C-alpha cells in the first residue's frame, strides 16, 4: 500500500483474496470525516510493524474497513521506508485466524525479506 495524505492506495495485490484489492484501489484514512483508522495507516503513522490477530475482538480495530467491508480481520504489516520517510506498507490480510509464524520460512519471514528487498530497490531509484 502506498500512503497519500488522505488515502492508502493498493499498489500490488496477490493471494487467494486478490479479488478484494486491485492496484489503484483506495481506502480513506481516518483524516476523512466518518472514517475509521486503517491497519496500513497505523503502520505508516507509527513507523512500526503491526499484527492484529483478531480485529473483531479488538475494540481498536473492530470498525476497520477491511473487517467491516471484506471480513479481513487478521493483519500483519510492515512500513516501507526510504531515506527516513515511510512511503507505505507491505502487508498480509486474512479472513480467519492465521499463524504468520508457521512454516519455514514463515509468511512473517517472507514479508520481512520482501520489505528489505523493496527498500533496497527503491533506494536505488531515489
Foldseek 3Di string as FASTA:
>chain_A
DFDDPFWAFDQDADDPVSVVHDGGDIDTAPVDPPAAHAQFNVCQVVQAKDWFQAQCPDPNRVRHCCCVPPQFGTKIWHFQDEPRHTGTIDMDTDNHGDDQVPDVNGVVVVRVVVSVVVNVVVNVVD
